[in-house]
Amino acid sequence: MIVCSCNVLSDDDVRNAVNASEDLPRNAKQIYGCLGCSAECGRCARTIKTIIDDALGACAKACCAGCPHSRSDVDADVHGEFALAAS
């Protein structure tokens, strides 16, 4: 299923990027970077975040500040990503 029509990204593309990355992308902006594109309209950011959380499974909820998977931008504000896309 296509989740980002601006960049023609599928849900499989997002899952594969999460699984292939050593840094475990946690938000749409990081997924765009992994896939060599950037946010355009931002309408897909919430769907991408849901797919990321699903792909990470328990780690998405269990990671905390001391976890090696945790990063300061894990809880990036989705609206902040929209603002970046609009600029």
PDB file of N, CA and C in Angstrom:
ATOM      1  N   MET A   1       0.844  -1.168   0.000  1.00  0.00           N
ATOM      2  CA  MET A   1       0.000   0.000   0.000  1.00  0.00           C
ATOM      3  C   MET A   1       0.898   1.244   0.000  1.00  0.00           C
ATOM      4  N   ILE A   2       0.569   2.213  -0.828  1.00  0.00           N
ATOM      5  CA  ILE A   2       1.309   3.476  -0.869  1.00  0.00           C
ATOM      6  C   ILE A   2       0.894   4.321   0.337  1.00  0.00           C
ATOM      7  N   VAL A   3       1.864   4.737   1.135  1.00  0.00           N
ATOM      8  CA  VAL A   3       1.572   5.574   2.298  1.00  0.00           C
ATOM      9  C   VAL A   3       2.000   7.025   2.069  1.00  0.00           C
ATOM     10  N   CYS A   4       2.927   7.247   1.160  1.00  0.00           N
ATOM     11  CA  CYS A   4       3.375   8.602   0.824  1.00  0.00           C
ATOM     12  C   CYS A   4       3.282   8.767  -0.680  1.00  0.00           C
ATOM     13  N   SER A   5       2.256   9.477  -1.123  1.00  0.00           N
ATOM     14  CA  SER A   5       2.094   9.638  -2.563  1.00  0.00           C
ATOM     15  C   SER A   5       3.064  10.653  -3.150  1.00  0.00           C
ATOM     16  N   CYS A   6       3.564  11.586  -2.354  1.00  0.00           N
ATOM     17  CA  CYS A   6       4.537  12.564  -2.849  1.00  0.00           C
ATOM     18  C   CYS A   6       5.846  11.890  -3.265  1.00  0.00           C
ATOM     19  N   ASN A   7       6.287  10.911  -2.454  1.00  0.00           N
ATOM     20  CA  ASN A   7       7.543  10.203  -2.716  1.00  0.00           C
ATOM     21  C   ASN A   7       7.321   8.773  -3.184  1.00  0.00           C
ATOM     22  N   VAL A   8       6.079   8.390  -3.350  1.00  0.00           N
ATOM     23  CA  VAL A   8       5.670   7.042  -3.749  1.00  0.00           C
ATOM     24  C   VAL A   8       6.359   5.993  -2.874  1.00  0.00           C
ATOM     25  N   LEU A   9       6.113   6.099  -1.565  1.00  0.00           N
ATOM     26  CA  LEU A   9       6.654   5.150  -0.601  1.00  0.00           C
ATOM     27  C   LEU A   9       5.542   4.212  -0.144  1.00  0.00           C
ATOM     28  N   SER A  10       5.868   2.941  -0.101  1.00  0.00           N
ATOM     29  CA  SER A  10       4.891   1.961   0.367  1.00  0.00           C
ATOM     30  C   SER A  10       5.138   1.620   1.830  1.00  0.00           C
ATOM     31  N   ASP A  11       4.178   0.947   2.431  1.00  0.00           N
ATOM     32  CA  ASP A  11       4.360   0.490   3.800  1.00  0.00           C
ATOM     33  C   ASP A  11       5.527  -0.482   3.886  1.00  0.00           C
ATOM     34  N   ASP A  12       5.737  -1.279   2.842  1.00  0.00           N
ATOM     35  CA  ASP A  12       6.897  -2.190   2.811  1.00  0.00           C
ATOM     36  C   ASP A  12       8.212  -1.413   2.780  1.00  0.00           C
ATOM     37  N   ASP A  13       8.248  -0.302   2.035  1.00  0.00           N
ATOM     38  CA  ASP A  13       9.455   0.537   2.005  1.00  0.00           C
ATOM     39  C   ASP A  13       9.802   1.033   3.412  1.00  0.00           C
ATOM     40  N   VAL A  14       8.773   1.458   4.141  1.00  0.00           N
ATOM     41  CA  VAL A  14       8.984   1.975   5.500  1.00  0.00           C
ATOM     42  C   VAL A  14       9.473   0.857   6.412  1.00  0.00           C
ATOM     43  N   ARG A  15       8.803  -0.295   6.382  1.00  0.00           N
ATOM     44  CA  ARG A  15       9.220  -1.427   7.226  1.00  0.00           C
ATOM     45  C   ARG A  15      10.645  -1.862   6.900  1.00  0.00           C
ATOM     46  N   ASN A  16      10.972  -1.955   5.621  1.00  0.00           N
ATOM     47  CA  ASN A  16      12.320  -2.360   5.225  1.00  0.00           C
ATOM     48  C   ASN A  16      13.367  -1.356   5.689  1.00  0.00           C
ATOM     49  N   ALA A  17      13.045  -0.059   5.643  1.00  0.00           N
ATOM     50  CA  ALA A  17      13.984   0.961   6.102  1.00  0.00           C
ATOM     51  C   ALA A  17      14.217   0.840   7.609  1.00  0.00           C
ATOM     52  N   VAL A  18      13.156   0.551   8.361  1.00  0.00           N
ATOM     53  CA  VAL A  18      13.300   0.374   9.814  1.00  0.00           C
ATOM     54  C   VAL A  18      14.175  -0.831  10.096  1.00  0.00           C
ATOM     55  N   ASN A  19      13.917  -1.926   9.424  1.00  0.00           N
ATOM     56  CA  ASN A  19      14.652  -3.165   9.681  1.00  0.00           C
ATOM     57  C   ASN A  19      16.092  -3.119   9.187  1.00  0.00           C
ATOM     58  N   ALA A  20      16.366  -2.332   8.144  1.00  0.00           N
ATOM     59  CA  ALA A  20      17.703  -2.291   7.565  1.00  0.00           C
ATOM     60  C   ALA A  20      18.626  -1.277   8.239  1.00  0.00           C
ATOM     61  N   SER A  21      18.065  -0.321   8.939  1.00  0.00           N
ATOM     62  CA  SER A  21      18.867   0.751   9.522  1.00  0.00           C
ATOM     63  C   SER A  21      19.438   0.357  10.875  1.00  0.00           C
ATOM     64  N   GLU A  22      20.704   0.665  11.079  1.00  0.00           N
ATOM     65  CA  GLU A  22      21.348   0.413  12.371  1.00  0.00           C
ATOM     66  C   GLU A  22      20.840   1.378  13.433  1.00  0.00           C
ATOM     67  N   ASP A  23      20.416   2.576  13.022  1.00  0.00           N
ATOM     68  CA  ASP A  23      20.001   3.612  13.959  1.00  0.00           C
ATOM     69  C   ASP A  23      18.530   3.529  14.358  1.00  0.00           C
ATOM     70  N   LEU A  24      17.786   2.554  13.850  1.00  0.00           N
ATOM     71  CA  LEU A  24      16.358   2.401  14.132  1.00  0.00           C
ATOM     72  C   LEU A  24      15.609   3.720  14.008  1.00  0.00           C
ATOM     73  N   PRO A  25      15.260   4.116  12.789  1.00  0.00           N
ATOM     74  CA  PRO A  25      14.509   5.357  12.603  1.00  0.00           C
ATOM     75  C   PRO A  25      13.229   5.348  13.430  1.00  0.00           C
ATOM     76  N   ARG A  26      12.919   6.483  14.057  1.00  0.00           N
ATOM     77  CA  ARG A  26      11.765   6.571  14.952  1.00  0.00           C
ATOM     78  C   ARG A  26      10.712   7.563  14.491  1.00  0.00           C
ATOM     79  N   ASN A  27      10.959   8.309  13.416  1.00  0.00           N
ATOM     80  CA  ASN A  27       9.951   9.256  12.932  1.00  0.00           C
ATOM     81  C   ASN A  27      10.037   9.360  11.412  1.00  0.00           C
ATOM     82  N   ALA A  28       9.056  10.017  10.836  1.00  0.00           N
ATOM     83  CA  ALA A  28       8.968  10.107   9.375  1.00  0.00           C
ATOM     84  C   ALA A  28      10.198  10.777   8.766  1.00  0.00           C
ATOM     85  N   LYS A  29      10.696  11.821   9.401  1.00  0.00           N
ATOM     86  CA  LYS A  29      11.861  12.526   8.863  1.00  0.00           C
ATOM     87  C   LYS A  29      13.052  11.574   8.724  1.00  0.00           C
ATOM     88  N   GLN A  30      13.260  10.730   9.720  1.00  0.00           N
ATOM     89  CA  GLN A  30      14.366   9.776   9.668  1.00  0.00           C
ATOM     90  C   GLN A  30      14.136   8.732   8.570  1.00  0.00           C
ATOM     91  N   ILE A  31      12.898   8.300   8.389  1.00  0.00           N
ATOM     92  CA  ILE A  31      12.585   7.347   7.313  1.00  0.00           C
ATOM     93  C   ILE A  31      12.867   7.972   5.964  1.00  0.00           C
ATOM     94  N   TYR A  32      12.440   9.236   5.773  1.00  0.00           N
ATOM     95  CA  TYR A  32      12.726   9.908   4.501  1.00  0.00           C
ATOM     96  C   TYR A  32      14.225   9.914   4.232  1.00  0.00           C
ATOM     97  N   GLY A  33      15.015  10.214   5.262  1.00  0.00           N
ATOM     98  CA  GLY A  33      16.467  10.229   5.109  1.00  0.00           C
ATOM     99  C   GLY A  33      17.015   8.870   4.723  1.00  0.00           C
ATOM    100  N   CYS A  34      16.499   7.819   5.356  1.00  0.00           N
ATOM    101  CA  CYS A  34      16.940   6.451   5.034  1.00  0.00           C
ATOM    102  C   CYS A  34      16.620   6.094   3.589  1.00  0.00           C
ATOM    103  N   LEU A  35      15.521   6.633   3.088  1.00  0.00           N
ATOM    104  CA  LEU A  35      15.069   6.295   1.744  1.00  0.00           C
ATOM    105  C   LEU A  35      15.503   7.320   0.700  1.00  0.00           C
ATOM    106  N   GLY A  36      16.312   8.292   1.108  1.00  0.00           N
ATOM    107  CA  GLY A  36      16.872   9.252   0.168  1.00  0.00           C
ATOM    108  C   GLY A  36      15.882  10.264  -0.378  1.00  0.00           C
ATOM    109  N   CYS A  37      14.876  10.593   0.403  1.00  0.00           N
ATOM    110  CA  CYS A  37      13.919  11.605  -0.033  1.00  0.00           C
ATOM    111  C   CYS A  37      13.617  12.533   1.139  1.00  0.00           C
ATOM    112  N   SER A  38      12.675  13.433   0.961  1.00  0.00           N
ATOM    113  CA  SER A  38      12.320  14.354   2.045  1.00  0.00           C
ATOM    114  C   SER A  38      10.814  14.557   2.071  1.00  0.00           C
ATOM    115  N   ALA A  39      10.338  15.075   3.185  1.00  0.00           N
ATOM    116  CA  ALA A  39       8.908  15.319   3.340  1.00  0.00           C
ATOM    117  C   ALA A  39       8.459  16.387   2.350  1.00  0.00           C
ATOM    118  N   GLU A  40       7.299  16.181   1.804  1.00  0.00           N
ATOM    119  CA  GLU A  40       6.710  17.179   0.916  1.00  0.00           C
ATOM    120  C   GLU A  40       5.505  17.808   1.614  1.00  0.00           C
ATOM    121  N   CYS A  41       4.367  17.125   1.629  1.00  0.00           N
ATOM    122  CA  CYS A  41       3.169  17.702   2.241  1.00  0.00           C
ATOM    123  C   CYS A  41       3.009  17.303   3.701  1.00  0.00           C
ATOM    124  N   GLY A  42       3.586  16.176   4.133  1.00  0.00           N
ATOM    125  CA  GLY A  42       3.527  15.745   5.520  1.00  0.00           C
ATOM    126  C   GLY A  42       2.297  14.957   5.927  1.00  0.00           C
ATOM    127  N   ARG A  43       1.354  14.744   5.001  1.00  0.00           N
ATOM    128  CA  ARG A  43       0.133  14.022   5.356  1.00  0.00           C
ATOM    129  C   ARG A  43       0.387  12.573   5.758  1.00  0.00           C
ATOM    130  N   CYS A  44       1.505  12.017   5.357  1.00  0.00           N
ATOM    131  CA  CYS A  44       1.794  10.611   5.642  1.00  0.00           C
ATOM    132  C   CYS A  44       2.526  10.400   6.963  1.00  0.00           C
ATOM    133  N   ALA A  45       2.953  11.459   7.630  1.00  0.00           N
ATOM    134  CA  ALA A  45       3.822  11.335   8.812  1.00  0.00           C
ATOM    135  C   ALA A  45       3.209  10.463   9.906  1.00  0.00           C
ATOM    136  N   ARG A  46       1.936  10.631  10.183  1.00  0.00           N
ATOM    137  CA  ARG A  46       1.310   9.824  11.240  1.00  0.00           C
ATOM    138  C   ARG A  46       1.224   8.361  10.839  1.00  0.00           C
ATOM    139  N   THR A  47       0.911   8.092   9.583  1.00  0.00           N
ATOM    140  CA  THR A  47       0.844   6.708   9.112  1.00  0.00           C
ATOM    141  C   THR A  47       2.223   6.068   9.166  1.00  0.00           C
ATOM    142  N   ILE A  48       3.243   6.804   8.739  1.00  0.00           N
ATOM    143  CA  ILE A  48       4.615   6.291   8.794  1.00  0.00           C
ATOM    144  C   ILE A  48       5.009   6.014  10.235  1.00  0.00           C
ATOM    145  N   LYS A  49       4.664   6.906  11.168  1.00  0.00           N
ATOM    146  CA  LYS A  49       4.985   6.701  12.587  1.00  0.00           C
ATOM    147  C   LYS A  49       4.305   5.436  13.109  1.00  0.00           C
ATOM    148  N   THR A  50       3.070   5.187  12.705  1.00  0.00           N
ATOM    149  CA  THR A  50       2.359   3.973  13.110  1.00  0.00           C
ATOM    150  C   THR A  50       3.054   2.730  12.575  1.00  0.00           C
ATOM    151  N   ILE A  51       3.499   2.772  11.327  1.00  0.00           N
ATOM    152  CA  ILE A  51       4.208   1.636  10.727  1.00  0.00           C
ATOM    153  C   ILE A  51       5.540   1.407  11.440  1.00  0.00           C
ATOM    154  N   ILE A  52       6.244   2.487  11.762  1.00  0.00           N
ATOM    155  CA  ILE A  52       7.517   2.374  12.494  1.00  0.00           C
ATOM    156  C   ILE A  52       7.280   1.704  13.843  1.00  0.00           C
ATOM    157  N   ASP A  53       6.299   2.190  14.583  1.00  0.00           N
ATOM    158  CA  ASP A  53       6.007   1.622  15.908  1.00  0.00           C
ATOM    159  C   ASP A  53       5.644   0.151  15.793  1.00  0.00           C
ATOM    160  N   ASP A  54       4.880  -0.196  14.774  1.00  0.00           N
ATOM    161  CA  ASP A  54       4.509  -1.595  14.555  1.00  0.00           C
ATOM    162  C   ASP A  54       5.743  -2.436  14.217  1.00  0.00           C
ATOM    163  N   ALA A  55       6.620  -1.903  13.363  1.00  0.00           N
ATOM    164  CA  ALA A  55       7.825  -2.640  12.955  1.00  0.00           C
ATOM    165  C   ALA A  55       8.785  -2.836  14.121  1.00  0.00           C
ATOM    166  N   LEU A  56       8.859  -1.857  15.019  1.00  0.00           N
ATOM    167  CA  LEU A  56       9.759  -1.963  16.168  1.00  0.00           C
ATOM    168  C   LEU A  56       9.177  -2.833  17.271  1.00  0.00           C
ATOM    169  N   GLY A  57       7.874  -3.043  17.244  1.00  0.00           N
ATOM    170  CA  GLY A  57       7.228  -3.900  18.225  1.00  0.00           C
ATOM    171  C   GLY A  57       7.392  -3.389  19.636  1.00  0.00           C
ATOM    172  N   ALA A  58       7.707  -4.292  20.543  1.00  0.00           N
ATOM    173  CA  ALA A  58       7.812  -3.963  21.965  1.00  0.00           C
ATOM    174  C   ALA A  58       8.881  -2.907  22.219  1.00  0.00           C
ATOM    175  N   CYS A  59       9.916  -2.871  21.402  1.00  0.00           N
ATOM    176  CA  CYS A  59      10.996  -1.905  21.590  1.00  0.00           C
ATOM    177  C   CYS A  59      10.481  -0.470  21.482  1.00  0.00           C
ATOM    178  N   ALA A  60       9.480  -0.242  20.648  1.00  0.00           N
ATOM    179  CA  ALA A  60       8.945   1.106  20.471  1.00  0.00           C
ATOM    180  C   ALA A  60       8.381   1.652  21.768  1.00  0.00           C
ATOM    181  N   LYS A  61       7.798   0.794  22.589  1.00  0.00           N
ATOM    182  CA  LYS A  61       7.208   1.225  23.848  1.00  0.00           C
ATOM    183  C   LYS A  61       8.183   1.086  25.015  1.00  0.00           C
ATOM    184  N   ALA A  62       9.082   0.109  24.954  1.00  0.00           N
ATOM    185  CA  ALA A  62       9.947  -0.206  26.085  1.00  0.00           C
ATOM    186  C   ALA A  62      11.187   0.676  26.178  1.00  0.00           C
ATOM    187  N   CYS A  63      11.659   1.219  25.072  1.00  0.00           N
ATOM    188  CA  CYS A  63      12.892   1.999  25.099  1.00  0.00           C
ATOM    189  C   CYS A  63      12.758   3.223  25.995  1.00  0.00           C
ATOM    190  N   CYS A  64      13.799   3.455  26.747  1.00  0.00           N
ATOM    191  CA  CYS A  64      13.820   4.613  27.629  1.00  0.00           C
ATOM    192  C   CYS A  64      15.162   5.309  27.471  1.00  0.00           C
ATOM    193  N   ALA A  65      15.421   6.308  28.263  1.00  0.00           N
ATOM    194  CA  ALA A  65      16.616   7.128  28.109  1.00  0.00           C
ATOM    195  C   ALA A  65      17.916   6.334  28.134  1.00  0.00           C
ATOM    196  N   GLY A  66      17.982   5.237  28.881  1.00  0.00           N
ATOM    197  CA  GLY A  66      19.211   4.473  28.975  1.00  0.00           C
ATOM    198  C   GLY A  66      19.382   3.422  27.889  1.00  0.00           C
ATOM    199  N   CYS A  67      18.370   3.208  27.103  1.00  0.00           N
ATOM    200  CA  CYS A  67      18.400   2.174  26.060  1.00  0.00           C
ATOM    201  C   CYS A  67      19.243   2.648  24.877  1.00  0.00           C
ATOM    202  N   PRO A  68      20.052   1.765  24.288  1.00  0.00           N
ATOM    203  CA  PRO A  68      20.866   2.173  23.143  1.00  0.00           C
ATOM    204  C   PRO A  68      20.031   2.548  21.927  1.00  0.00           C
ATOM    205  N   HIS A  69      18.765   2.114  21.880  1.00  0.00           N
ATOM    206  CA  HIS A  69      17.901   2.481  20.761  1.00  0.00           C
ATOM    207  C   HIS A  69      17.264   3.843  20.946  1.00  0.00           C
ATOM    208  N   SER A  70      17.286   4.358  22.172  1.00  0.00           N
ATOM    209  CA  SER A  70      16.642   5.617  22.478  1.00  0.00           C
ATOM    210  C   SER A  70      17.465   6.781  21.935  1.00  0.00           C
ATOM    211  N   ARG A  71      16.768   7.796  21.433  1.00  0.00           N
ATOM    212  CA  ARG A  71      17.433   8.994  20.941  1.00  0.00           C
ATOM    213  C   ARG A  71      16.628  10.203  21.360  1.00  0.00           C
ATOM    214  N   SER A  72      17.249  11.349  21.399  1.00  0.00           N
ATOM    215  CA  SER A  72      16.560  12.554  21.865  1.00  0.00           C
ATOM    216  C   SER A  72      15.411  12.949  20.952  1.00  0.00           C
ATOM    217  N   ASP A  73      15.460  12.537  19.670  1.00  0.00           N
ATOM    218  CA  ASP A  73      14.401  12.932  18.747  1.00  0.00           C
ATOM    219  C   ASP A  73      13.361  11.836  18.550  1.00  0.00           C
ATOM    220  N   VAL A  74      13.348  10.832  19.418  1.00  0.00           N
ATOM    221  CA  VAL A  74      12.383   9.746  19.308  1.00  0.00           C
ATOM    222  C   VAL A  74      10.962  10.263  19.359  1.00  0.00           C
ATOM    223  N   ASP A  75      10.700  11.190  20.243  1.00  0.00           N
ATOM    224  CA  ASP A  75       9.355  11.711  20.429  1.00  0.00           C
ATOM    225  C   ASP A  75       9.150  12.998  19.644  1.00  0.00           C
ATOM    226  N   ALA A  76       9.741  13.084  18.465  1.00  0.00           N
ATOM    227  CA  ALA A  76       9.601  14.290  17.649  1.00  0.00           C
ATOM    228  C   ALA A  76       8.128  14.600  17.427  1.00  0.00           C
ATOM    229  N   ASP A  77       7.803  15.839  17.548  1.00  0.00           N
ATOM    230  CA  ASP A  77       6.434  16.278  17.365  1.00  0.00           C
ATOM    231  C   ASP A  77       6.050  16.142  15.902  1.00  0.00           C
ATOM    232  N   VAL A  78       4.999  15.406  15.628  1.00  0.00           N
ATOM    233  CA  VAL A  78       4.549  15.191  14.258  1.00  0.00           C
ATOM    234  C   VAL A  78       4.249  16.537  13.608  1.00  0.00           C
ATOM    235  N   HIS A  79       3.702  17.480  14.357  1.00  0.00           N
ATOM    236  CA  HIS A  79       3.396  18.790  13.785  1.00  0.00           C
ATOM    237  C   HIS A  79       4.672  19.522  13.412  1.00  0.00           C
ATOM    238  N   GLY A  80       5.737  19.293  14.125  1.00  0.00           N
ATOM    239  CA  GLY A  80       7.026  19.876  13.766  1.00  0.00           C
ATOM    240  C   GLY A  80       7.504  19.347  12.437  1.00  0.00           C
ATOM    241  N   GLU A  81       7.240  18.063  12.167  1.00  0.00           N
ATOM    242  CA  GLU A  81       7.608  17.488  10.882  1.00  0.00           C
ATOM    243  C   GLU A  81       6.785  18.136   9.780  1.00  0.00           C
ATOM    244  N   PHE A  82       5.489  18.407  10.063  1.00  0.00           N
ATOM    245  CA  PHE A  82       4.645  19.075   9.065  1.00  0.00           C
ATOM    246  C   PHE A  82       5.185  20.460   8.762  1.00  0.00           C
ATOM    247  N   ALA A  83       5.641  21.145   9.801  1.00  0.00           N
ATOM    248  CA  ALA A  83       6.173  22.488   9.599  1.00  0.00           C
ATOM    249  C   ALA A  83       7.415  22.450   8.725  1.00  0.00           C
ATOM    250  N   LEU A  84       8.257  21.430   8.921  1.00  0.00           N
ATOM    251  CA  LEU A  84       9.442  21.276   8.077  1.00  0.00           C
ATOM    252  C   LEU A  84       9.040  21.009   6.640  1.00  0.00           C
ATOM    253  N   ALA A  85       8.007  20.201   6.445  1.00  0.00           N
ATOM    254  CA  ALA A  85       7.550  19.867   5.097  1.00  0.00           C
ATOM    255  C   ALA A  85       6.980  21.083   4.390  1.00  0.00           C
ATOM    256  N   ALA A  86       6.338  21.961   5.137  1.00  0.00           N
ATOM    257  CA  ALA A  86       5.699  23.124   4.535  1.00  0.00           C
ATOM    258  C   ALA A  86       6.691  24.228   4.186  1.00  0.00           C
ATOM    259  N   SER A  87       7.866  24.204   4.824  1.00  0.00           N
ATOM    260  CA  SER A  87       8.820  25.289   4.587  1.00  0.00           C
ATOM    261  C   SER A  87       9.661  25.065   3.363  1.00  0.00           C
TER     262      SER A  87
END
